[in-house]
């Protein structure tokens, strides 16, 4: 990245199959609606700009890439390429399917711990599909997942809540990247 350049954020979005990740990704990036279920094959990259997230409160919104990663284990050989140069990870799971709680431990290990990403650069989204009747109760997450930012998503009942939390998440990563770049610049100057 050039000094003074506007940062571009690469954020993989891994998750379990049939969790609603693609619909959520489309909503968060204001992309087209997908009305029928088609499993993501490998990865789908969504590029978008968010005017509410700026680098050091300067200029126009930052540009982002949200990588909608297929949840099928047959794509596991692609994961290293998906994780390369990632700045953050949003792990989406269907909170109404008990087996997904176990699967997010594997996603966290592969996409966060093995990549040495800070926990602050990871967000968990407990997605409730329309009509599921899922409640926002507390989830029994095991350590270290219980220390991560957890957002409940229900696009039918309160879509703006997850959008607001996603913008906060993006801002925190951009601020962290800017602070890191500033420290590097000071090291060069001194």
Protein backbone atom coordinates (compact mmCIF):
# COMPACT_ATOMS: atom_id res chain seq x y z
CA UNK A 1 0.00 0.00 0.00
CA UNK A 2 1.34 3.42 -0.89
CA UNK A 3 1.68 6.02 1.82
CA UNK A 4 -1.38 8.22 1.86
CA UNK A 5 -3.32 5.78 -0.32
CA UNK A 6 -6.87 4.95 0.61
CA UNK A 7 -6.87 1.51 2.28
CA UNK A 8 -8.74 -1.37 0.70
CA UNK A 9 -9.99 -3.92 3.18
CA UNK A 10 -10.06 -7.62 2.28
CA UNK A 11 -12.42 -9.49 4.59
CA UNK A 12 -13.25 -13.19 4.09
CA UNK A 13 -16.74 -14.22 5.12
CA UNK A 14 -16.50 -17.95 5.92
CA UNK A 15 -19.34 -19.94 7.32
CA UNK A 16 -21.26 -23.10 7.55
CA UNK A 17 -23.45 -24.27 4.70
CA UNK A 18 -27.00 -22.91 4.51
CA UNK A 19 -26.42 -20.22 7.10
CA UNK A 20 -27.75 -17.30 5.05
CA UNK A 21 -24.29 -15.79 4.48
CA UNK A 22 -24.82 -14.86 0.82
CA UNK A 23 -28.09 -13.03 1.52
CA UNK A 24 -26.43 -11.24 4.44
CA UNK A 25 -23.37 -10.34 2.31
CA UNK A 26 -25.63 -8.92 -0.39
CA UNK A 27 -27.50 -6.86 2.20
CA UNK A 28 -24.35 -5.48 3.86
CA UNK A 29 -22.77 -4.52 0.53
CA UNK A 30 -26.07 -3.32 -0.96
CA UNK A 31 -25.67 -5.82 -3.81
CA UNK A 32 -28.42 -7.53 -5.76
CA UNK A 33 -30.88 -9.75 -3.99
CA UNK A 34 -30.67 -13.51 -4.33
CA UNK A 35 -34.07 -15.04 -3.77
CA UNK A 36 -33.34 -18.77 -4.05
CA UNK A 37 -30.71 -20.85 -2.32
CA UNK A 38 -27.63 -21.65 -4.40
CA UNK A 39 -24.55 -22.75 -2.42
CA UNK A 40 -21.51 -20.52 -2.95
CA UNK A 41 -19.00 -22.37 -5.10
CA UNK A 42 -15.52 -21.52 -3.79
CA UNK A 43 -15.67 -17.77 -3.35
CA UNK A 44 -17.65 -14.77 -4.55
CA UNK A 45 -15.92 -11.39 -4.17
CA UNK A 46 -18.11 -8.37 -3.51
CA UNK A 47 -16.41 -5.01 -4.00
CA UNK A 48 -18.08 -1.99 -2.43
CA UNK A 49 -17.44 1.45 -1.02
CA UNK A 50 -18.89 2.66 2.25
CA UNK A 51 -19.25 6.45 2.61
CA UNK A 52 -19.61 6.08 6.41
CA UNK A 53 -16.11 4.58 6.81
CA UNK A 54 -13.13 6.81 6.05
CA UNK A 55 -9.43 6.57 6.75
CA UNK A 56 -8.51 8.97 9.58
CA UNK A 57 -11.77 10.82 8.84
CA UNK A 58 -10.31 12.09 5.58
CA UNK A 59 -11.87 12.14 2.15
CA UNK A 60 -14.42 9.80 0.71
CA UNK A 61 -15.44 6.35 1.89
CA UNK A 62 -13.05 3.43 1.88
CA UNK A 63 -13.17 0.61 -0.63
CA UNK A 64 -13.74 -2.92 0.60
CA UNK A 65 -13.72 -6.49 -0.66
CA UNK A 66 -16.02 -8.91 1.09
CA UNK A 67 -15.15 -12.48 0.14
CA UNK A 68 -18.23 -14.69 0.38
CA UNK A 69 -16.55 -18.08 1.00
CA UNK A 70 -18.37 -21.34 0.28
CA UNK A 71 -19.05 -23.34 3.43
CA UNK A 72 -18.55 -26.78 1.88
CA UNK A 73 -15.37 -28.57 3.06
CA UNK A 74 -14.64 -29.60 -0.55
CA UNK A 75 -13.28 -26.03 -0.97
CA UNK A 76 -10.81 -26.40 1.91
CA UNK A 77 -7.86 -26.48 -0.52
CA UNK A 78 -8.83 -22.90 -1.56
CA UNK A 79 -8.80 -21.50 1.98
CA UNK A 80 -5.10 -20.46 2.07
CA UNK A 81 -5.66 -18.26 -0.98
CA UNK A 82 -8.82 -16.79 0.56
CA UNK A 83 -7.01 -15.94 3.79
CA UNK A 84 -3.92 -14.39 2.19
CA UNK A 85 -3.64 -10.69 3.04
CA UNK A 86 -6.99 -10.65 4.86
CA UNK A 87 -7.48 -7.70 7.22
CA UNK A 88 -10.43 -9.16 9.08
CA UNK A 89 -12.86 -12.05 9.19
CA UNK A 90 -16.63 -12.11 9.64
CA UNK A 91 -17.80 -15.61 10.61
CA UNK A 92 -21.48 -16.13 9.87
CA UNK A 93 -23.45 -19.08 11.22
CA UNK A 94 -27.05 -20.09 11.49
CA UNK A 95 -27.81 -19.67 15.17
CA UNK A 96 -30.78 -22.01 14.82
CA UNK A 97 -28.62 -25.04 13.87
CA UNK A 98 -26.74 -26.44 16.90
CA UNK A 99 -23.97 -28.06 14.80
CA UNK A 100 -22.95 -24.63 13.49
CA UNK A 101 -21.76 -23.65 16.98
CA UNK A 102 -19.11 -26.37 16.72
CA UNK A 103 -18.22 -25.49 13.12
CA UNK A 104 -17.43 -21.87 13.95
CA UNK A 105 -14.57 -23.11 16.18
CA UNK A 106 -12.98 -24.63 13.07
CA UNK A 107 -13.55 -21.44 11.03
CA UNK A 108 -12.02 -19.35 13.82
CA UNK A 109 -8.99 -21.62 14.04
CA UNK A 110 -8.37 -21.59 10.27
CA UNK A 111 -9.25 -18.01 9.40
CA UNK A 112 -8.21 -16.10 12.54
CA UNK A 113 -5.76 -18.01 14.75
CA UNK A 114 -3.66 -19.63 12.00
CA UNK A 115 -3.43 -16.27 10.22
CA UNK A 116 -2.40 -14.46 13.43
CA UNK A 117 -5.25 -11.98 13.07
CA UNK A 118 -6.19 -10.01 16.17
CA UNK A 119 -9.45 -11.06 17.79
CA UNK A 120 -10.62 -7.46 17.37
CA UNK A 121 -10.48 -8.08 13.61
CA UNK A 122 -13.02 -10.90 13.87
CA UNK A 123 -16.78 -10.58 14.15
CA UNK A 124 -19.27 -13.39 14.68
CA UNK A 125 -22.72 -13.05 13.13
CA UNK A 126 -25.44 -15.31 14.51
CA UNK A 127 -27.76 -15.14 11.52
CA UNK A 128 -31.42 -16.03 11.93
CA UNK A 129 -33.13 -16.85 8.64
CA UNK A 130 -36.54 -15.31 7.94
CA UNK A 131 -39.33 -17.31 9.54
CA UNK A 132 -36.96 -19.19 11.84
CA UNK A 133 -38.36 -17.52 14.93
CA UNK A 134 -34.84 -17.49 16.37
CA UNK A 135 -34.39 -15.48 19.52
CA UNK A 136 -31.49 -13.21 20.38
CA UNK A 137 -30.68 -15.09 23.55
CA UNK A 138 -27.14 -15.55 24.71
CA UNK A 139 -25.27 -18.32 22.96
CA UNK A 140 -23.05 -20.76 24.83
CA UNK A 141 -19.80 -20.03 22.99
CA UNK A 142 -16.62 -21.71 24.15
CA UNK A 143 -13.38 -19.78 24.76
CA UNK A 144 -11.93 -17.94 22.89
CA UNK A 145 -15.11 -17.42 20.80
CA UNK A 146 -16.92 -15.98 23.83
CA UNK A 147 -14.52 -12.99 23.76
CA UNK A 148 -15.32 -12.02 20.15
CA UNK A 149 -17.79 -9.39 18.99
CA UNK A 150 -21.10 -11.21 18.49
CA UNK A 151 -23.95 -9.71 16.48
CA UNK A 152 -27.37 -11.26 15.99
CA UNK A 153 -28.79 -10.78 12.52
CA UNK A 154 -32.40 -11.04 11.48
CA UNK A 155 -33.00 -9.22 8.21
CA UNK A 156 -36.74 -9.63 8.62
CA UNK A 157 -37.09 -8.04 12.06
CA UNK A 158 -34.20 -5.56 12.45
CA UNK A 159 -32.00 -5.27 9.36
CA UNK A 160 -30.37 -1.98 10.35
CA UNK A 161 -28.90 -3.38 13.58
CA UNK A 162 -26.51 -5.68 11.72
CA UNK A 163 -25.63 -2.93 9.21
CA UNK A 164 -24.73 -0.53 12.04
CA UNK A 165 -22.60 -3.20 13.77
CA UNK A 166 -20.90 -4.06 10.46
CA UNK A 167 -19.99 -0.38 9.89
CA UNK A 168 -18.56 -0.19 13.44
CA UNK A 169 -16.52 -3.32 12.70
CA UNK A 170 -15.17 -1.87 9.42
CA UNK A 171 -14.28 1.41 11.17
CA UNK A 172 -12.35 -0.42 13.88
CA UNK A 173 -10.26 -2.31 11.32
CA UNK A 174 -9.59 0.81 9.23
CA UNK A 175 -8.54 2.71 12.38
CA UNK A 176 -6.22 -0.14 13.37
CA UNK A 177 -4.69 -0.21 9.88
CA UNK A 178 -4.21 3.58 9.91
CA UNK A 179 -2.55 3.49 13.33
CA UNK A 180 -0.21 0.73 12.17
CA UNK A 181 0.67 2.68 9.01
CA UNK A 182 1.30 5.83 11.10
CA UNK A 183 3.67 3.89 13.40
CA UNK A 184 5.56 2.54 10.37
CA UNK A 185 5.87 6.05 8.92
CA UNK A 186 7.24 7.37 12.24
CA UNK A 187 9.83 4.58 12.29
CA UNK A 188 10.96 5.59 8.80
CA UNK A 189 11.17 9.28 9.75
CA UNK A 190 13.11 8.74 12.99
